[in-house]
Amino acid sequence: MSLSSILSADAIDSAIKDCQAPDSFCPKKFFQICGLTKKSPQDVKKVFGILDNDASGFIEEDELKFFLQRFVPGARVLTDKETKAFLSAADDDSDGKIGAEEFQAMVLS
């Protein structure tokens, strides 16, 4: 399954263009622009599964760094500052990784 089977390619492109400059990525804004915030909890979990590159059940910091590239292969890598901010915003239990429920809560809240 690909992200474009859940989200429109145009919406993904708009979201990527919005955060092209280093340190301009805001997860909440990205999720709104790409249309993920309007999707069902089931679709959000499917997206989580795609983003969980190693299928560990969590999105770790090294996977977050390449977050934008999971949407568009040529997109930039997140800066360390953006990666850490994203992780701290979603990691409710402070275990250093984002679980499916934490991801869903961040996207849909």
PDB file of N, CA and C in Angstrom:
ATOM      1  N   MET A   1       0.846  -1.189   0.000  1.00  0.00           N
ATOM      2  CA  MET A   1       0.000   0.000   0.000  1.00  0.00           C
ATOM      3  C   MET A   1       0.887   1.247   0.000  1.00  0.00           C
ATOM      4  N   SER A   2       0.451   2.244  -0.747  1.00  0.00           N
ATOM      5  CA  SER A   2       1.214   3.491  -0.790  1.00  0.00           C
ATOM      6  C   SER A   2       0.398   4.618  -0.166  1.00  0.00           C
ATOM      7  N   LEU A   3       1.099   5.666   0.209  1.00  0.00           N
ATOM      8  CA  LEU A   3       0.425   6.820   0.803  1.00  0.00           C
ATOM      9  C   LEU A   3      -0.554   7.452  -0.170  1.00  0.00           C
ATOM     10  N   SER A   4      -0.251   7.388  -1.480  1.00  0.00           N
ATOM     11  CA  SER A   4      -1.143   8.005  -2.469  1.00  0.00           C
ATOM     12  C   SER A   4      -2.429   7.210  -2.667  1.00  0.00           C
ATOM     13  N   SER A   5      -2.524   6.009  -2.072  1.00  0.00           N
ATOM     14  CA  SER A   5      -3.791   5.280  -2.118  1.00  0.00           C
ATOM     15  C   SER A   5      -4.724   5.775  -1.011  1.00  0.00           C
ATOM     16  N   ILE A   6      -4.178   6.535  -0.060  1.00  0.00           N
ATOM     17  CA  ILE A   6      -4.968   7.087   1.052  1.00  0.00           C
ATOM     18  C   ILE A   6      -5.137   8.600   0.912  1.00  0.00           C
ATOM     19  N   LEU A   7      -4.069   9.268   0.490  1.00  0.00           N
ATOM     20  CA  LEU A   7      -4.066  10.728   0.352  1.00  0.00           C
ATOM     21  C   LEU A   7      -3.888  11.096  -1.121  1.00  0.00           C
ATOM     22  N   SER A   8      -4.445  12.230  -1.529  1.00  0.00           N
ATOM     23  CA  SER A   8      -4.291  12.626  -2.935  1.00  0.00           C
ATOM     24  C   SER A   8      -2.866  13.117  -3.195  1.00  0.00           C
ATOM     25  N   ALA A   9      -2.377  12.825  -4.395  1.00  0.00           N
ATOM     26  CA  ALA A   9      -1.027  13.238  -4.782  1.00  0.00           C
ATOM     27  C   ALA A   9      -0.886  14.755  -4.732  1.00  0.00           C
ATOM     28  N   ASP A  10      -1.936  15.482  -5.136  1.00  0.00           N
ATOM     29  CA  ASP A  10      -1.890  16.954  -5.106  1.00  0.00           C
ATOM     30  C   ASP A  10      -1.746  17.468  -3.680  1.00  0.00           C
ATOM     31  N   ALA A  11      -2.488  16.871  -2.747  1.00  0.00           N
ATOM     32  CA  ALA A  11      -2.423  17.296  -1.344  1.00  0.00           C
ATOM     33  C   ALA A  11      -1.043  16.994  -0.760  1.00  0.00           C
ATOM     34  N   ILE A  12      -0.490  15.845  -1.110  1.00  0.00           N
ATOM     35  CA  ILE A  12       0.855  15.496  -0.641  1.00  0.00           C
ATOM     36  C   ILE A  12       1.862  16.506  -1.185  1.00  0.00           C
ATOM     37  N   ASP A  13       1.774  16.824  -2.474  1.00  0.00           N
ATOM     38  CA  ASP A  13       2.689  17.802  -3.077  1.00  0.00           C
ATOM     39  C   ASP A  13       2.591  19.162  -2.388  1.00  0.00           C
ATOM     40  N   SER A  14       1.368  19.597  -2.102  1.00  0.00           N
ATOM     41  CA  SER A  14       1.169  20.884  -1.417  1.00  0.00           C
ATOM     42  C   SER A  14       1.821  20.873  -0.042  1.00  0.00           C
ATOM     43  N   ALA A  15       1.653  19.781   0.679  1.00  0.00           N
ATOM     44  CA  ALA A  15       2.216  19.678   2.032  1.00  0.00           C
ATOM     45  C   ALA A  15       3.745  19.687   1.987  1.00  0.00           C
ATOM     46  N   ILE A  16       4.321  18.990   1.009  1.00  0.00           N
ATOM     47  CA  ILE A  16       5.783  18.957   0.866  1.00  0.00           C
ATOM     48  C   ILE A  16       6.316  20.343   0.494  1.00  0.00           C
ATOM     49  N   LYS A  17       5.633  21.025  -0.425  1.00  0.00           N
ATOM     50  CA  LYS A  17       6.069  22.368  -0.853  1.00  0.00           C
ATOM     51  C   LYS A  17       6.026  23.361   0.305  1.00  0.00           C
ATOM     52  N   ASP A  18       5.064  23.174   1.215  1.00  0.00           N
ATOM     53  CA  ASP A  18       4.905  24.097   2.339  1.00  0.00           C
ATOM     54  C   ASP A  18       6.105  24.053   3.294  1.00  0.00           C
ATOM     55  N   CYS A  19       6.834  22.952   3.306  1.00  0.00           N
ATOM     56  CA  CYS A  19       7.933  22.837   4.280  1.00  0.00           C
ATOM     57  C   CYS A  19       9.271  22.530   3.601  1.00  0.00           C
ATOM     58  N   GLN A  20       9.485  23.112   2.431  1.00  0.00           N
ATOM     59  CA  GLN A  20      10.746  22.877   1.703  1.00  0.00           C
ATOM     60  C   GLN A  20      11.957  23.484   2.392  1.00  0.00           C
ATOM     61  N   ALA A  21      11.783  24.625   3.029  1.00  0.00           N
ATOM     62  CA  ALA A  21      12.917  25.277   3.689  1.00  0.00           C
ATOM     63  C   ALA A  21      13.290  24.529   4.965  1.00  0.00           C
ATOM     64  N   PRO A  22      14.588  24.392   5.245  1.00  0.00           N
ATOM     65  CA  PRO A  22      15.010  23.747   6.493  1.00  0.00           C
ATOM     66  C   PRO A  22      14.379  24.439   7.706  1.00  0.00           C
ATOM     67  N   ASP A  23      14.000  23.647   8.680  1.00  0.00           N
ATOM     68  CA  ASP A  23      13.389  24.110   9.931  1.00  0.00           C
ATOM     69  C   ASP A  23      12.020  24.770   9.736  1.00  0.00           C
ATOM     70  N   SER A  24      11.333  24.459   8.626  1.00  0.00           N
ATOM     71  CA  SER A  24       9.986  25.005   8.404  1.00  0.00           C
ATOM     72  C   SER A  24       8.902  23.938   8.579  1.00  0.00           C
ATOM     73  N   PHE A  25       9.300  22.701   8.899  1.00  0.00           N
ATOM     74  CA  PHE A  25       8.342  21.598   9.029  1.00  0.00           C
ATOM     75  C   PHE A  25       7.584  21.678  10.347  1.00  0.00           C
ATOM     76  N   CYS A  26       6.259  21.635  10.252  1.00  0.00           N
ATOM     77  CA  CYS A  26       5.380  21.587  11.428  1.00  0.00           C
ATOM     78  C   CYS A  26       4.453  20.393  11.217  1.00  0.00           C
ATOM     79  N   PRO A  27       4.573  19.342  12.041  1.00  0.00           N
ATOM     80  CA  PRO A  27       3.774  18.133  11.816  1.00  0.00           C
ATOM     81  C   PRO A  27       2.275  18.394  11.701  1.00  0.00           C
ATOM     82  N   LYS A  28       1.721  19.158  12.625  1.00  0.00           N
ATOM     83  CA  LYS A  28       0.269  19.419  12.616  1.00  0.00           C
ATOM     84  C   LYS A  28      -0.166  20.079  11.302  1.00  0.00           C
ATOM     85  N   LYS A  29       0.594  21.080  10.871  1.00  0.00           N
ATOM     86  CA  LYS A  29       0.266  21.781   9.628  1.00  0.00           C
ATOM     87  C   LYS A  29       0.401  20.838   8.440  1.00  0.00           C
ATOM     88  N   PHE A  30       1.453  20.020   8.443  1.00  0.00           N
ATOM     89  CA  PHE A  30       1.673  19.053   7.366  1.00  0.00           C
ATOM     90  C   PHE A  30       0.485  18.088   7.272  1.00  0.00           C
ATOM     91  N   PHE A  31       0.051  17.567   8.413  1.00  0.00           N
ATOM     92  CA  PHE A  31      -1.076  16.616   8.414  1.00  0.00           C
ATOM     93  C   PHE A  31      -2.355  17.272   7.905  1.00  0.00           C
ATOM     94  N   GLN A  32      -2.542  18.554   8.216  1.00  0.00           N
ATOM     95  CA  GLN A  32      -3.734  19.269   7.732  1.00  0.00           C
ATOM     96  C   GLN A  32      -3.671  19.465   6.223  1.00  0.00           C
ATOM     97  N   ILE A  33      -2.534  19.938   5.726  1.00  0.00           N
ATOM     98  CA  ILE A  33      -2.408  20.231   4.288  1.00  0.00           C
ATOM     99  C   ILE A  33      -2.530  18.959   3.452  1.00  0.00           C
ATOM    100  N   CYS A  34      -1.922  17.864   3.900  1.00  0.00           N
ATOM    101  CA  CYS A  34      -1.961  16.634   3.096  1.00  0.00           C
ATOM    102  C   CYS A  34      -3.302  15.909   3.223  1.00  0.00           C
ATOM    103  N   GLY A  35      -4.162  16.376   4.138  1.00  0.00           N
ATOM    104  CA  GLY A  35      -5.500  15.804   4.257  1.00  0.00           C
ATOM    105  C   GLY A  35      -5.625  14.671   5.256  1.00  0.00           C
ATOM    106  N   LEU A  36      -4.549  14.355   5.959  1.00  0.00           N
ATOM    107  CA  LEU A  36      -4.583  13.230   6.895  1.00  0.00           C
ATOM    108  C   LEU A  36      -5.523  13.478   8.075  1.00  0.00           C
ATOM    109  N   THR A  37      -5.658  14.739   8.490  1.00  0.00           N
ATOM    110  CA  THR A  37      -6.512  15.045   9.640  1.00  0.00           C
ATOM    111  C   THR A  37      -7.994  14.780   9.347  1.00  0.00           C
ATOM    112  N   LYS A  38      -8.351  14.665   8.071  1.00  0.00           N
ATOM    113  CA  LYS A  38      -9.746  14.410   7.698  1.00  0.00           C
ATOM    114  C   LYS A  38     -10.019  12.928   7.468  1.00  0.00           C
ATOM    115  N   LYS A  39      -9.014  12.093   7.645  1.00  0.00           N
ATOM    116  CA  LYS A  39      -9.155  10.660   7.394  1.00  0.00           C
ATOM    117  C   LYS A  39      -9.655   9.926   8.640  1.00  0.00           C
ATOM    118  N   SER A  40     -10.126   8.711   8.435  1.00  0.00           N
ATOM    119  CA  SER A  40     -10.621   7.889   9.545  1.00  0.00           C
ATOM    120  C   SER A  40      -9.447   7.383  10.388  1.00  0.00           C
ATOM    121  N   PRO A  41      -9.732   7.008  11.646  1.00  0.00           N
ATOM    122  CA  PRO A  41      -8.668   6.419  12.479  1.00  0.00           C
ATOM    123  C   PRO A  41      -8.016   5.202  11.808  1.00  0.00           C
ATOM    124  N   GLN A  42      -8.800   4.434  11.063  1.00  0.00           N
ATOM    125  CA  GLN A  42      -8.246   3.261  10.368  1.00  0.00           C
ATOM    126  C   GLN A  42      -7.232   3.688   9.299  1.00  0.00           C
ATOM    127  N   ASP A  43      -7.579   4.746   8.541  1.00  0.00           N
ATOM    128  CA  ASP A  43      -6.654   5.241   7.516  1.00  0.00           C
ATOM    129  C   ASP A  43      -5.386   5.809   8.151  1.00  0.00           C
ATOM    130  N   VAL A  44      -5.537   6.485   9.284  1.00  0.00           N
ATOM    131  CA  VAL A  44      -4.368   7.046   9.977  1.00  0.00           C
ATOM    132  C   VAL A  44      -3.448   5.903  10.421  1.00  0.00           C
ATOM    133  N   LYS A  45      -4.040   4.805  10.894  1.00  0.00           N
ATOM    134  CA  LYS A  45      -3.223   3.638  11.284  1.00  0.00           C
ATOM    135  C   LYS A  45      -2.523   3.019  10.074  1.00  0.00           C
ATOM    136  N   LYS A  46      -3.191   3.019   8.922  1.00  0.00           N
ATOM    137  CA  LYS A  46      -2.551   2.505   7.699  1.00  0.00           C
ATOM    138  C   LYS A  46      -1.340   3.368   7.344  1.00  0.00           C
ATOM    139  N   VAL A  47      -1.503   4.690   7.448  1.00  0.00           N
ATOM    140  CA  VAL A  47      -0.395   5.608   7.168  1.00  0.00           C
ATOM    141  C   VAL A  47       0.746   5.354   8.151  1.00  0.00           C
ATOM    142  N   PHE A  48       0.409   5.146   9.421  1.00  0.00           N
ATOM    143  CA  PHE A  48       1.431   4.829  10.425  1.00  0.00           C
ATOM    144  C   PHE A  48       2.217   3.588   9.992  1.00  0.00           C
ATOM    145  N   GLY A  49       1.507   2.567   9.540  1.00  0.00           N
ATOM    146  CA  GLY A  49       2.166   1.331   9.108  1.00  0.00           C
ATOM    147  C   GLY A  49       3.135   1.554   7.964  1.00  0.00           C
ATOM    148  N   ILE A  50       2.786   2.466   7.056  1.00  0.00           N
ATOM    149  CA  ILE A  50       3.668   2.791   5.924  1.00  0.00           C
ATOM    150  C   ILE A  50       4.898   3.560   6.419  1.00  0.00           C
ATOM    151  N   LEU A  51       4.685   4.467   7.370  1.00  0.00           N
ATOM    152  CA  LEU A  51       5.785   5.290   7.890  1.00  0.00           C
ATOM    153  C   LEU A  51       6.723   4.497   8.801  1.00  0.00           C
ATOM    154  N   ASP A  52       6.208   3.422   9.415  1.00  0.00           N
ATOM    155  CA  ASP A  52       7.007   2.553  10.282  1.00  0.00           C
ATOM    156  C   ASP A  52       7.843   1.649   9.381  1.00  0.00           C
ATOM    157  N   ASN A  53       8.929   2.196   8.880  1.00  0.00           N
ATOM    158  CA  ASN A  53       9.737   1.559   7.838  1.00  0.00           C
ATOM    159  C   ASN A  53      10.237   0.163   8.202  1.00  0.00           C
ATOM    160  N   ASP A  54      10.613  -0.049   9.466  1.00  0.00           N
ATOM    161  CA  ASP A  54      11.156  -1.353   9.859  1.00  0.00           C
ATOM    162  C   ASP A  54      10.096  -2.275  10.477  1.00  0.00           C
ATOM    163  N   ALA A  55       8.823  -1.857  10.431  1.00  0.00           N
ATOM    164  CA  ALA A  55       7.694  -2.648  10.937  1.00  0.00           C
ATOM    165  C   ALA A  55       7.870  -3.064  12.399  1.00  0.00           C
ATOM    166  N   SER A  56       8.452  -2.169  13.199  1.00  0.00           N
ATOM    167  CA  SER A  56       8.680  -2.462  14.620  1.00  0.00           C
ATOM    168  C   SER A  56       7.465  -2.143  15.482  1.00  0.00           C
ATOM    169  N   GLY A  57       6.477  -1.464  14.890  1.00  0.00           N
ATOM    170  CA  GLY A  57       5.324  -1.021  15.674  1.00  0.00           C
ATOM    171  C   GLY A  57       5.522   0.379  16.233  1.00  0.00           C
ATOM    172  N   PHE A  58       6.655   0.974  15.922  1.00  0.00           N
ATOM    173  CA  PHE A  58       6.980   2.322  16.381  1.00  0.00           C
ATOM    174  C   PHE A  58       7.682   3.082  15.263  1.00  0.00           C
ATOM    175  N   ILE A  59       7.553   4.417  15.294  1.00  0.00           N
ATOM    176  CA  ILE A  59       8.352   5.261  14.408  1.00  0.00           C
ATOM    177  C   ILE A  59       9.451   5.848  15.292  1.00  0.00           C
ATOM    178  N   GLU A  60      10.678   5.416  15.027  1.00  0.00           N
ATOM    179  CA  GLU A  60      11.813   5.875  15.811  1.00  0.00           C
ATOM    180  C   GLU A  60      12.408   7.130  15.196  1.00  0.00           C
ATOM    181  N   GLU A  61      13.333   7.741  15.943  1.00  0.00           N
ATOM    182  CA  GLU A  61      13.930   9.012  15.506  1.00  0.00           C
ATOM    183  C   GLU A  61      14.587   8.897  14.133  1.00  0.00           C
ATOM    184  N   ASP A  62      15.271   7.787  13.858  1.00  0.00           N
ATOM    185  CA  ASP A  62      15.941   7.663  12.556  1.00  0.00           C
ATOM    186  C   ASP A  62      14.930   7.530  11.420  1.00  0.00           C
ATOM    187  N   GLU A  63      13.738   6.982  11.690  1.00  0.00           N
ATOM    188  CA  GLU A  63      12.686   6.922  10.667  1.00  0.00           C
ATOM    189  C   GLU A  63      12.049   8.300  10.472  1.00  0.00           C
ATOM    190  N   LEU A  64      11.911   9.057  11.569  1.00  0.00           N
ATOM    191  CA  LEU A  64      11.326  10.395  11.495  1.00  0.00           C
ATOM    192  C   LEU A  64      12.148  11.322  10.612  1.00  0.00           C
ATOM    193  N   LYS A  65      13.462  11.181  10.676  1.00  0.00           N
ATOM    194  CA  LYS A  65      14.352  12.033   9.884  1.00  0.00           C
ATOM    195  C   LYS A  65      13.984  11.972   8.394  1.00  0.00           C
ATOM    196  N   PHE A  66      13.554  10.785   7.933  1.00  0.00           N
ATOM    197  CA  PHE A  66      13.220  10.577   6.519  1.00  0.00           C
ATOM    198  C   PHE A  66      11.708  10.624   6.264  1.00  0.00           C
ATOM    199  N   PHE A  67      10.974  11.201   7.211  1.00  0.00           N
ATOM    200  CA  PHE A  67       9.514  11.272   7.161  1.00  0.00           C
ATOM    201  C   PHE A  67       8.984  11.813   5.838  1.00  0.00           C
ATOM    202  N   LEU A  68       9.507  12.959   5.377  1.00  0.00           N
ATOM    203  CA  LEU A  68       9.012  13.581   4.147  1.00  0.00           C
ATOM    204  C   LEU A  68       9.287  12.705   2.927  1.00  0.00           C
ATOM    205  N   GLN A  69      10.395  11.967   2.955  1.00  0.00           N
ATOM    206  CA  GLN A  69      10.743  11.105   1.829  1.00  0.00           C
ATOM    207  C   GLN A  69       9.807   9.906   1.713  1.00  0.00           C
ATOM    208  N   ARG A  70       9.107   9.563   2.771  1.00  0.00           N
ATOM    209  CA  ARG A  70       8.115   8.483   2.704  1.00  0.00           C
ATOM    210  C   ARG A  70       6.904   8.951   1.895  1.00  0.00           C
ATOM    211  N   PHE A  71       6.693  10.263   1.841  1.00  0.00           N
ATOM    212  CA  PHE A  71       5.605  10.842   1.051  1.00  0.00           C
ATOM    213  C   PHE A  71       6.037  11.086  -0.383  1.00  0.00           C
ATOM    214  N   VAL A  72       7.225  11.676  -0.552  1.00  0.00           N
ATOM    215  CA  VAL A  72       7.785  11.975  -1.874  1.00  0.00           C
ATOM    216  C   VAL A  72       9.274  11.627  -1.832  1.00  0.00           C
ATOM    217  N   PRO A  73       9.697  10.637  -2.626  1.00  0.00           N
ATOM    218  CA  PRO A  73      11.084  10.170  -2.561  1.00  0.00           C
ATOM    219  C   PRO A  73      12.153  11.266  -2.666  1.00  0.00           C
ATOM    220  N   GLY A  74      11.930  12.316  -3.429  1.00  0.00           N
ATOM    221  CA  GLY A  74      12.937  13.364  -3.590  1.00  0.00           C
ATOM    222  C   GLY A  74      12.886  14.466  -2.545  1.00  0.00           C
ATOM    223  N   ALA A  75      11.996  14.332  -1.562  1.00  0.00           N
ATOM    224  CA  ALA A  75      11.845  15.382  -0.542  1.00  0.00           C
ATOM    225  C   ALA A  75      13.087  15.447   0.351  1.00  0.00           C
ATOM    226  N   ARG A  76      13.209  16.555   1.068  1.00  0.00           N
ATOM    227  CA  ARG A  76      14.381  16.738   1.924  1.00  0.00           C
ATOM    228  C   ARG A  76      14.274  15.899   3.210  1.00  0.00           C
ATOM    229  N   VAL A  77      15.406  15.738   3.859  1.00  0.00           N
ATOM    230  CA  VAL A  77      15.482  15.072   5.160  1.00  0.00           C
ATOM    231  C   VAL A  77      15.155  16.130   6.223  1.00  0.00           C
ATOM    232  N   LEU A  78      14.453  15.739   7.271  1.00  0.00           N
ATOM    233  CA  LEU A  78      14.173  16.687   8.360  1.00  0.00           C
ATOM    234  C   LEU A  78      15.481  17.028   9.086  1.00  0.00           C
ATOM    235  N   THR A  79      15.583  18.257   9.553  1.00  0.00           N
ATOM    236  CA  THR A  79      16.758  18.654  10.336  1.00  0.00           C
ATOM    237  C   THR A  79      16.671  17.974  11.706  1.00  0.00           C
ATOM    238  N   ASP A  80      17.787  17.952  12.426  1.00  0.00           N
ATOM    239  CA  ASP A  80      17.787  17.363  13.772  1.00  0.00           C
ATOM    240  C   ASP A  80      16.787  18.087  14.674  1.00  0.00           C
ATOM    241  N   LYS A  81      16.735  19.413  14.523  1.00  0.00           N
ATOM    242  CA  LYS A  81      15.812  20.216  15.327  1.00  0.00           C
ATOM    243  C   LYS A  81      14.354  19.820  15.043  1.00  0.00           C
ATOM    244  N   GLU A  82      14.013  19.679  13.759  1.00  0.00           N
ATOM    245  CA  GLU A  82      12.651  19.292  13.377  1.00  0.00           C
ATOM    246  C   GLU A  82      12.324  17.878  13.851  1.00  0.00           C
ATOM    247  N   THR A  83      13.285  16.979  13.703  1.00  0.00           N
ATOM    248  CA  THR A  83      13.081  15.586  14.109  1.00  0.00           C
ATOM    249  C   THR A  83      12.803  15.507  15.604  1.00  0.00           C
ATOM    250  N   LYS A  84      13.616  16.197  16.398  1.00  0.00           N
ATOM    251  CA  LYS A  84      13.441  16.168  17.853  1.00  0.00           C
ATOM    252  C   LYS A  84      12.133  16.837  18.271  1.00  0.00           C
ATOM    253  N   ALA A  85      11.749  17.924  17.616  1.00  0.00           N
ATOM    254  CA  ALA A  85      10.495  18.608  17.931  1.00  0.00           C
ATOM    255  C   ALA A  85       9.298  17.719  17.598  1.00  0.00           C
ATOM    256  N   PHE A  86       9.347  17.033  16.459  1.00  0.00           N
ATOM    257  CA  PHE A  86       8.292  16.117  16.035  1.00  0.00           C
ATOM    258  C   PHE A  86       8.168  14.992  17.056  1.00  0.00           C
ATOM    259  N   LEU A  87       9.302  14.406  17.434  1.00  0.00           N
ATOM    260  CA  LEU A  87       9.300  13.308  18.393  1.00  0.00           C
ATOM    261  C   LEU A  87       8.724  13.748  19.737  1.00  0.00           C
ATOM    262  N   SER A  88       9.152  14.889  20.242  1.00  0.00           N
ATOM    263  CA  SER A  88       8.666  15.323  21.548  1.00  0.00           C
ATOM    264  C   SER A  88       7.184  15.705  21.507  1.00  0.00           C
ATOM    265  N   ALA A  89       6.713  16.178  20.359  1.00  0.00           N
ATOM    266  CA  ALA A  89       5.296  16.547  20.237  1.00  0.00           C
ATOM    267  C   ALA A  89       4.380  15.321  20.238  1.00  0.00           C
ATOM    268  N   ALA A  90       4.872  14.204  19.730  1.00  0.00           N
ATOM    269  CA  ALA A  90       4.025  13.014  19.596  1.00  0.00           C
ATOM    270  C   ALA A  90       4.279  11.945  20.654  1.00  0.00           C
ATOM    271  N   ASP A  91       5.456  11.943  21.253  1.00  0.00           N
ATOM    272  CA  ASP A  91       5.870  10.883  22.177  1.00  0.00           C
ATOM    273  C   ASP A  91       5.312  11.129  23.578  1.00  0.00           C
ATOM    274  N   ASP A  92       4.038  10.761  23.770  1.00  0.00           N
ATOM    275  CA  ASP A  92       3.356  11.044  25.043  1.00  0.00           C
ATOM    276  C   ASP A  92       3.941  10.306  26.240  1.00  0.00           C
ATOM    277  N   ASP A  93       4.463   9.095  26.027  1.00  0.00           N
ATOM    278  CA  ASP A  93       4.991   8.331  27.161  1.00  0.00           C
ATOM    279  C   ASP A  93       6.510   8.452  27.321  1.00  0.00           C
ATOM    280  N   SER A  94       7.126   9.329  26.549  1.00  0.00           N
ATOM    281  CA  SER A  94       8.562   9.638  26.643  1.00  0.00           C
ATOM    282  C   SER A  94       9.468   8.417  26.532  1.00  0.00           C
ATOM    283  N   ASP A  95       9.107   7.480  25.650  1.00  0.00           N
ATOM    284  CA  ASP A  95       9.959   6.303  25.469  1.00  0.00           C
ATOM    285  C   ASP A  95      10.907   6.469  24.284  1.00  0.00           C
ATOM    286  N   GLY A  96      10.918   7.661  23.672  1.00  0.00           N
ATOM    287  CA  GLY A  96      11.854   7.935  22.591  1.00  0.00           C
ATOM    288  C   GLY A  96      11.409   7.457  21.225  1.00  0.00           C
ATOM    289  N   LYS A  97      10.149   7.049  21.114  1.00  0.00           N
ATOM    290  CA  LYS A  97       9.607   6.598  19.832  1.00  0.00           C
ATOM    291  C   LYS A  97       8.105   6.861  19.818  1.00  0.00           C
ATOM    292  N   ILE A  98       7.511   6.830  18.627  1.00  0.00           N
ATOM    293  CA  ILE A  98       6.088   7.135  18.468  1.00  0.00           C
ATOM    294  C   ILE A  98       5.336   5.851  18.140  1.00  0.00           C
ATOM    295  N   GLY A  99       4.401   5.489  19.006  1.00  0.00           N
ATOM    296  CA  GLY A  99       3.562   4.322  18.767  1.00  0.00           C
ATOM    297  C   GLY A  99       2.358   4.705  17.916  1.00  0.00           C
ATOM    298  N   ALA A 100       1.619   3.701  17.454  1.00  0.00           N
ATOM    299  CA  ALA A 100       0.462   3.939  16.586  1.00  0.00           C
ATOM    300  C   ALA A 100      -0.580   4.834  17.257  1.00  0.00           C
ATOM    301  N   GLU A 101      -0.850   4.592  18.544  1.00  0.00           N
ATOM    302  CA  GLU A 101      -1.847   5.404  19.253  1.00  0.00           C
ATOM    303  C   GLU A 101      -1.377   6.846  19.416  1.00  0.00           C
ATOM    304  N   GLU A 102      -0.086   7.020  19.692  1.00  0.00           N
ATOM    305  CA  GLU A 102       0.468   8.375  19.829  1.00  0.00           C
ATOM    306  C   GLU A 102       0.384   9.120  18.495  1.00  0.00           C
ATOM    307  N   PHE A 103       0.691   8.412  17.403  1.00  0.00           N
ATOM    308  CA  PHE A 103       0.627   9.024  16.084  1.00  0.00           C
ATOM    309  C   PHE A 103      -0.809   9.432  15.772  1.00  0.00           C
ATOM    310  N   GLN A 104      -1.729   8.523  16.038  1.00  0.00           N
ATOM    311  CA  GLN A 104      -3.149   8.787  15.770  1.00  0.00           C
ATOM    312  C   GLN A 104      -3.634   9.983  16.598  1.00  0.00           C
ATOM    313  N   ALA A 105      -3.248  10.037  17.860  1.00  0.00           N
ATOM    314  CA  ALA A 105      -3.653  11.139  18.729  1.00  0.00           C
ATOM    315  C   ALA A 105      -3.119  12.469  18.205  1.00  0.00           C
ATOM    316  N   MET A 106      -1.885  12.476  17.725  1.00  0.00           N
ATOM    317  CA  MET A 106      -1.299  13.709  17.203  1.00  0.00           C
ATOM    318  C   MET A 106      -2.011  14.161  15.932  1.00  0.00           C
ATOM    319  N   VAL A 107      -2.289  13.230  15.042  1.00  0.00           N
ATOM    320  CA  VAL A 107      -2.918  13.572  13.760  1.00  0.00           C
ATOM    321  C   VAL A 107      -4.359  14.020  13.953  1.00  0.00           C
ATOM    322  N   LEU A 108      -5.110  13.319  14.778  1.00  0.00           N
ATOM    323  CA  LEU A 108      -6.550  13.558  14.861  1.00  0.00           C
ATOM    324  C   LEU A 108      -6.969  14.516  15.970  1.00  0.00           C
ATOM    325  N   SER A 109      -6.015  15.045  16.733  1.00  0.00           N
ATOM    326  CA  SER A 109      -6.418  15.966  17.814  1.00  0.00           C
ATOM    327  C   SER A 109      -6.374  17.406  17.361  1.00  0.00           C
TER     328      SER A 109
END
